[in-house]
Amino acid sequence: MNAPSYMNIGQAASAAGVTPKMIRHYESLGLIPEAERTDAGYRLYGERQLAQLRFIRQSRVLGFSIPQIASLLSLWRDESRTSREVKDVAMRQLQELEQRQRELDLMRETLSKLVTRCAGDHSAHCAILDDLASGRLPAPGSRTKRALKEVRAGDKVAPRSSRREQAPVRVDRPHAALTAWSMGLAASE
């Protein structure tokens, strides 16, 4: 059975493995050209746009950023490109993935040690909470970018140089270090 020559946004989304919302987003970013429209204003997509949407989806699966995808799409459309240019974009992405993997490995190793140290019984004392409150856990790599979970878009965060450093608090009561730390955060706001 032959696919129709043009599809509406829902059909195109299904065929390309993306959502209609993402198609509109990719159009707004200029990754794909604006779709032709019917007299009623409905978007119409052909095989060319489907190929571009699949290209974008596959690129996202590999973790390429939107700017990297724009670069790859531009290279894909440019018949005078060199494979070296494409490889450079891919190599940068591979290096970023390898760095993230090293950071994930360090986090897994650290968390594994924390879990091993915790008794996990009915007592209130927990080595995991103590270590989290201590500030002595290893930092994930030497990246200058903060992790996605650390800062979300729209958050207001003071530059690192102006943040007040907190000295570790040593206490004998369980959870007191965590309480002291959180009170210090509240006082600095």
C-alpha atoms as a PDB file:
ATOM      1  CA  MET A   1       0.000   0.000   0.000  1.00  0.00           C
ATOM      2  CA  ASN A   2       1.490   3.336  -1.035  1.00  0.00           C
ATOM      3  CA  ALA A   3       1.722   6.156   1.470  1.00  0.00           C
ATOM      4  CA  PRO A   4      -0.286   9.238   0.539  1.00  0.00           C
ATOM      5  CA  SER A   5       1.757  11.923  -1.181  1.00  0.00           C
ATOM      6  CA  TYR A   6       0.857  14.371   1.594  1.00  0.00           C
ATOM      7  CA  MET A   7      -0.024  13.735   5.225  1.00  0.00           C
ATOM      8  CA  ASN A   8      -1.552  15.864   7.925  1.00  0.00           C
ATOM      9  CA  ILE A   9       0.488  16.596  11.042  1.00  0.00           C
ATOM     10  CA  GLY A  10      -0.855  13.609  12.999  1.00  0.00           C
ATOM     11  CA  GLN A  11      -0.113  11.168  10.191  1.00  0.00           C
ATOM     12  CA  ALA A  12       3.336  12.667   9.643  1.00  0.00           C
ATOM     13  CA  ALA A  13       4.096  12.502  13.363  1.00  0.00           C
ATOM     14  CA  SER A  14       3.092   8.844  13.496  1.00  0.00           C
ATOM     15  CA  ALA A  15       5.094   7.986  10.370  1.00  0.00           C
ATOM     16  CA  ALA A  16       8.211   9.786  11.627  1.00  0.00           C
ATOM     17  CA  GLY A  17       7.996   8.608  15.253  1.00  0.00           C
ATOM     18  CA  VAL A  18       7.623  12.066  16.795  1.00  0.00           C
ATOM     19  CA  THR A  19       4.723  14.047  18.241  1.00  0.00           C
ATOM     20  CA  PRO A  20       2.770  16.771  16.445  1.00  0.00           C
ATOM     21  CA  LYS A  21       3.982  19.186  19.110  1.00  0.00           C
ATOM     22  CA  MET A  22       7.604  18.379  18.253  1.00  0.00           C
ATOM     23  CA  ILE A  23       6.935  18.906  14.550  1.00  0.00           C
ATOM     24  CA  ARG A  24       5.591  22.386  15.286  1.00  0.00           C
ATOM     25  CA  HIS A  25       8.600  23.003  17.553  1.00  0.00           C
ATOM     26  CA  TYR A  26      11.073  21.920  14.868  1.00  0.00           C
ATOM     27  CA  GLU A  27       9.320  24.220  12.384  1.00  0.00           C
ATOM     28  CA  SER A  28       9.525  27.141  14.820  1.00  0.00           C
ATOM     29  CA  LEU A  29      13.263  26.523  15.255  1.00  0.00           C
ATOM     30  CA  GLY A  30      13.787  26.367  11.501  1.00  0.00           C
ATOM     31  CA  LEU A  31      15.032  22.760  11.523  1.00  0.00           C
ATOM     32  CA  ILE A  32      12.382  21.906   8.947  1.00  0.00           C
ATOM     33  CA  PRO A  33      10.727  24.354   6.571  1.00  0.00           C
ATOM     34  CA  GLU A  34       7.185  25.493   7.296  1.00  0.00           C
ATOM     35  CA  ALA A  35       4.725  22.987   5.921  1.00  0.00           C
ATOM     36  CA  GLU A  36       2.431  23.689   3.038  1.00  0.00           C
ATOM     37  CA  ARG A  37      -1.108  24.351   4.194  1.00  0.00           C
ATOM     38  CA  THR A  38      -4.551  23.505   2.955  1.00  0.00           C
ATOM     39  CA  ASP A  39      -7.126  26.218   2.330  1.00  0.00           C
ATOM     40  CA  ALA A  40      -8.406  25.468   5.842  1.00  0.00           C
ATOM     41  CA  GLY A  41      -4.923  26.030   7.314  1.00  0.00           C
ATOM     42  CA  TYR A  42      -3.982  22.414   8.029  1.00  0.00           C
ATOM     43  CA  ARG A  43      -0.315  21.523   7.611  1.00  0.00           C
ATOM     44  CA  LEU A  44       0.650  19.064   4.880  1.00  0.00           C
ATOM     45  CA  TYR A  45       3.838  16.994   4.923  1.00  0.00           C
ATOM     46  CA  GLY A  46       5.484  15.064   2.109  1.00  0.00           C
ATOM     47  CA  GLU A  47       8.255  12.487   1.954  1.00  0.00           C
ATOM     48  CA  ARG A  48      10.983  15.141   2.112  1.00  0.00           C
ATOM     49  CA  GLN A  49       9.694  16.493   5.447  1.00  0.00           C
ATOM     50  CA  LEU A  50       9.231  12.945   6.773  1.00  0.00           C
ATOM     51  CA  ALA A  51      12.860  12.156   5.948  1.00  0.00           C
ATOM     52  CA  GLN A  52      13.962  15.303   7.792  1.00  0.00           C
ATOM     53  CA  LEU A  53      11.784  14.431  10.805  1.00  0.00           C
ATOM     54  CA  ARG A  54      13.245  10.920  10.937  1.00  0.00           C
ATOM     55  CA  PHE A  55      16.753  12.403  10.658  1.00  0.00           C
ATOM     56  CA  ILE A  56      16.004  14.724  13.600  1.00  0.00           C
ATOM     57  CA  ARG A  57      14.505  11.888  15.664  1.00  0.00           C
ATOM     58  CA  GLN A  58      17.542   9.675  15.070  1.00  0.00           C
ATOM     59  CA  SER A  59      19.866  12.557  15.932  1.00  0.00           C
ATOM     60  CA  ARG A  60      17.974  13.154  19.199  1.00  0.00           C
ATOM     61  CA  VAL A  61      18.233   9.443  20.030  1.00  0.00           C
ATOM     62  CA  LEU A  62      22.023   9.854  19.833  1.00  0.00           C
ATOM     63  CA  GLY A  63      21.861  12.870  22.145  1.00  0.00           C
ATOM     64  CA  PHE A  64      22.725  15.582  19.630  1.00  0.00           C
ATOM     65  CA  SER A  65      21.656  19.056  20.721  1.00  0.00           C
ATOM     66  CA  ILE A  66      19.368  21.218  18.601  1.00  0.00           C
ATOM     67  CA  PRO A  67      22.318  23.349  17.341  1.00  0.00           C
ATOM     68  CA  GLN A  68      24.234  20.173  16.453  1.00  0.00           C
ATOM     69  CA  ILE A  69      21.184  18.812  14.639  1.00  0.00           C
ATOM     70  CA  ALA A  70      20.849  22.088  12.715  1.00  0.00           C
ATOM     71  CA  SER A  71      24.497  21.726  11.699  1.00  0.00           C
ATOM     72  CA  LEU A  72      24.026  18.090  10.671  1.00  0.00           C
ATOM     73  CA  LEU A  73      20.884  18.924   8.674  1.00  0.00           C
ATOM     74  CA  SER A  74      22.754  21.705   6.919  1.00  0.00           C
ATOM     75  CA  LEU A  75      25.580  19.314   6.070  1.00  0.00           C
ATOM     76  CA  TRP A  76      23.075  16.647   4.921  1.00  0.00           C
ATOM     77  CA  ARG A  77      21.497  19.143   2.511  1.00  0.00           C
ATOM     78  CA  ASP A  78      24.882  20.419   1.241  1.00  0.00           C
ATOM     79  CA  GLU A  79      26.141  18.217  -1.572  1.00  0.00           C
ATOM     80  CA  SER A  80      29.555  19.940  -1.447  1.00  0.00           C
ATOM     81  CA  ARG A  81      30.121  18.969   2.200  1.00  0.00           C
ATOM     82  CA  THR A  82      33.057  16.870   3.265  1.00  0.00           C
ATOM     83  CA  SER A  83      32.656  13.839   5.468  1.00  0.00           C
ATOM     84  CA  ARG A  84      35.301  15.405   7.716  1.00  0.00           C
ATOM     85  CA  GLU A  85      32.838  18.163   8.680  1.00  0.00           C
ATOM     86  CA  VAL A  86      30.207  15.584   9.606  1.00  0.00           C
ATOM     87  CA  LYS A  87      32.725  13.499  11.526  1.00  0.00           C
ATOM     88  CA  ASP A  88      33.849  16.559  13.525  1.00  0.00           C
ATOM     89  CA  VAL A  89      30.281  17.174  14.741  1.00  0.00           C
ATOM     90  CA  ALA A  90      29.881  13.493  15.615  1.00  0.00           C
ATOM     91  CA  MET A  91      33.263  13.345  17.380  1.00  0.00           C
ATOM     92  CA  ARG A  92      32.373  16.326  19.579  1.00  0.00           C
ATOM     93  CA  GLN A  93      29.139  14.578  20.549  1.00  0.00           C
ATOM     94  CA  LEU A  94      30.991  11.346  21.269  1.00  0.00           C
ATOM     95  CA  GLN A  95      33.442  13.193  23.535  1.00  0.00           C
ATOM     96  CA  GLU A  96      30.541  14.811  25.424  1.00  0.00           C
ATOM     97  CA  LEU A  97      28.860  11.409  25.858  1.00  0.00           C
ATOM     98  CA  GLU A  98      32.116   9.890  27.128  1.00  0.00           C
ATOM     99  CA  GLN A  99      32.489  12.722  29.659  1.00  0.00           C
ATOM    100  CA  ARG A 100      28.897  12.243  30.845  1.00  0.00           C
ATOM    101  CA  GLN A 101      29.529   8.502  31.150  1.00  0.00           C
ATOM    102  CA  ARG A 102      32.581   9.126  33.346  1.00  0.00           C
ATOM    103  CA  GLU A 103      30.450  11.394  35.536  1.00  0.00           C
ATOM    104  CA  LEU A 104      27.665   8.784  35.725  1.00  0.00           C
ATOM    105  CA  ASP A 105      30.215   6.096  36.631  1.00  0.00           C
ATOM    106  CA  LEU A 106      31.527   8.289  39.466  1.00  0.00           C
ATOM    107  CA  MET A 107      27.985   8.967  40.707  1.00  0.00           C
ATOM    108  CA  ARG A 108      27.132   5.246  40.605  1.00  0.00           C
ATOM    109  CA  GLU A 109      30.324   4.340  42.459  1.00  0.00           C
ATOM    110  CA  THR A 110      29.737   7.003  45.122  1.00  0.00           C
ATOM    111  CA  LEU A 111      26.087   6.088  45.583  1.00  0.00           C
ATOM    112  CA  SER A 112      26.971   2.411  45.796  1.00  0.00           C
ATOM    113  CA  LYS A 113      29.416   3.172  48.629  1.00  0.00           C
ATOM    114  CA  LEU A 114      26.762   5.240  50.405  1.00  0.00           C
ATOM    115  CA  VAL A 115      24.198   2.449  50.148  1.00  0.00           C
ATOM    116  CA  THR A 116      26.740  -0.064  51.458  1.00  0.00           C
ATOM    117  CA  ARG A 117      27.519   2.138  54.471  1.00  0.00           C
ATOM    118  CA  CYS A 118      23.872   2.573  55.475  1.00  0.00           C
ATOM    119  CA  ALA A 119      22.545  -0.032  57.918  1.00  0.00           C
ATOM    120  CA  GLY A 120      19.030   0.257  56.500  1.00  0.00           C
ATOM    121  CA  ASP A 121      17.504  -0.751  59.814  1.00  0.00           C
ATOM    122  CA  HIS A 122      14.954   0.884  62.129  1.00  0.00           C
ATOM    123  CA  SER A 123      17.381   3.316  63.763  1.00  0.00           C
ATOM    124  CA  ALA A 124      17.238   7.033  62.962  1.00  0.00           C
ATOM    125  CA  HIS A 125      20.939   7.261  62.121  1.00  0.00           C
ATOM    126  CA  CYS A 126      21.725   6.995  58.419  1.00  0.00           C
ATOM    127  CA  ALA A 127      25.217   7.165  56.929  1.00  0.00           C
ATOM    128  CA  ILE A 128      23.739   8.310  53.606  1.00  0.00           C
ATOM    129  CA  LEU A 129      22.218  11.439  55.161  1.00  0.00           C
ATOM    130  CA  ASP A 130      25.393  12.114  57.129  1.00  0.00           C
ATOM    131  CA  ASP A 131      27.570  11.908  54.011  1.00  0.00           C
ATOM    132  CA  LEU A 132      25.176  14.030  51.938  1.00  0.00           C
ATOM    133  CA  ALA A 133      25.209  16.697  54.645  1.00  0.00           C
ATOM    134  CA  SER A 134      28.993  16.586  55.078  1.00  0.00           C
ATOM    135  CA  GLY A 135      29.844  18.161  51.729  1.00  0.00           C
ATOM    136  CA  ARG A 136      32.757  15.722  51.361  1.00  0.00           C
ATOM    137  CA  LEU A 137      31.395  13.664  48.470  1.00  0.00           C
ATOM    138  CA  PRO A 138      33.448  13.782  45.259  1.00  0.00           C
ATOM    139  CA  ALA A 139      32.394  16.301  42.638  1.00  0.00           C
ATOM    140  CA  PRO A 140      31.343  14.795  39.299  1.00  0.00           C
ATOM    141  CA  GLY A 141      34.312  15.518  37.031  1.00  0.00           C
ATOM    142  CA  SER A 142      35.801  18.853  36.174  1.00  0.00           C
ATOM    143  CA  ARG A 143      33.030  20.033  33.878  1.00  0.00           C
ATOM    144  CA  THR A 144      32.306  23.707  33.891  1.00  0.00           C
ATOM    145  CA  LYS A 145      28.669  23.201  32.882  1.00  0.00           C
ATOM    146  CA  ARG A 146      26.295  22.342  35.671  1.00  0.00           C
ATOM    147  CA  ALA A 147      24.306  19.122  35.384  1.00  0.00           C
ATOM    148  CA  LEU A 148      20.749  19.268  34.091  1.00  0.00           C
ATOM    149  CA  LYS A 149      19.324  18.129  37.424  1.00  0.00           C
ATOM    150  CA  GLU A 150      21.290  20.828  39.235  1.00  0.00           C
ATOM    151  CA  VAL A 151      19.765  23.806  37.412  1.00  0.00           C
ATOM    152  CA  ARG A 152      16.560  23.975  35.388  1.00  0.00           C
ATOM    153  CA  ALA A 153      15.640  26.603  32.820  1.00  0.00           C
ATOM    154  CA  GLY A 154      14.206  29.678  34.502  1.00  0.00           C
ATOM    155  CA  ASP A 155      15.942  29.078  37.853  1.00  0.00           C
ATOM    156  CA  LYS A 156      17.588  32.104  39.394  1.00  0.00           C
ATOM    157  CA  VAL A 157      21.024  31.025  40.585  1.00  0.00           C
ATOM    158  CA  ALA A 158      23.801  33.249  41.846  1.00  0.00           C
ATOM    159  CA  PRO A 159      27.091  32.951  39.963  1.00  0.00           C
ATOM    160  CA  ARG A 160      29.440  30.425  41.544  1.00  0.00           C
ATOM    161  CA  SER A 161      31.933  33.081  42.611  1.00  0.00           C
ATOM    162  CA  SER A 162      29.338  34.922  44.709  1.00  0.00           C
ATOM    163  CA  ARG A 163      27.910  31.888  46.482  1.00  0.00           C
ATOM    164  CA  ARG A 164      28.821  31.721  50.129  1.00  0.00           C
ATOM    165  CA  GLU A 165      30.871  28.668  51.009  1.00  0.00           C
ATOM    166  CA  GLN A 166      29.555  26.685  53.961  1.00  0.00           C
ATOM    167  CA  ALA A 167      31.979  25.035  56.328  1.00  0.00           C
ATOM    168  CA  PRO A 168      31.060  21.459  57.249  1.00  0.00           C
ATOM    169  CA  VAL A 169      29.105  21.291  60.492  1.00  0.00           C
ATOM    170  CA  ARG A 170      30.160  18.641  62.953  1.00  0.00           C
ATOM    171  CA  VAL A 171      27.491  17.452  65.358  1.00  0.00           C
ATOM    172  CA  ASP A 172      26.774  14.393  67.413  1.00  0.00           C
ATOM    173  CA  ARG A 173      22.991  14.146  66.911  1.00  0.00           C
ATOM    174  CA  PRO A 174      21.711  12.192  63.892  1.00  0.00           C
ATOM    175  CA  HIS A 175      20.452  14.470  61.088  1.00  0.00           C
ATOM    176  CA  ALA A 176      21.657  17.576  62.913  1.00  0.00           C
ATOM    177  CA  ALA A 177      24.228  18.303  60.218  1.00  0.00           C
ATOM    178  CA  LEU A 178      21.501  18.207  57.582  1.00  0.00           C
ATOM    179  CA  THR A 179      19.272  20.466  59.667  1.00  0.00           C
ATOM    180  CA  ALA A 180      22.127  22.924  60.279  1.00  0.00           C
ATOM    181  CA  TRP A 181      22.967  22.940  56.585  1.00  0.00           C
ATOM    182  CA  SER A 182      19.370  23.577  55.528  1.00  0.00           C
ATOM    183  CA  MET A 183      19.017  26.341  58.138  1.00  0.00           C
ATOM    184  CA  GLY A 184      22.155  27.945  56.727  1.00  0.00           C
ATOM    185  CA  LEU A 185      20.599  27.879  53.268  1.00  0.00           C
ATOM    186  CA  ALA A 186      17.400  29.488  54.530  1.00  0.00           C
ATOM    187  CA  ALA A 187      19.378  32.207  56.325  1.00  0.00           C
ATOM    188  CA  SER A 188      21.335  33.069  53.167  1.00  0.00           C
ATOM    189  CA  GLU A 189      18.172  33.655  51.080  1.00  0.00           C
END
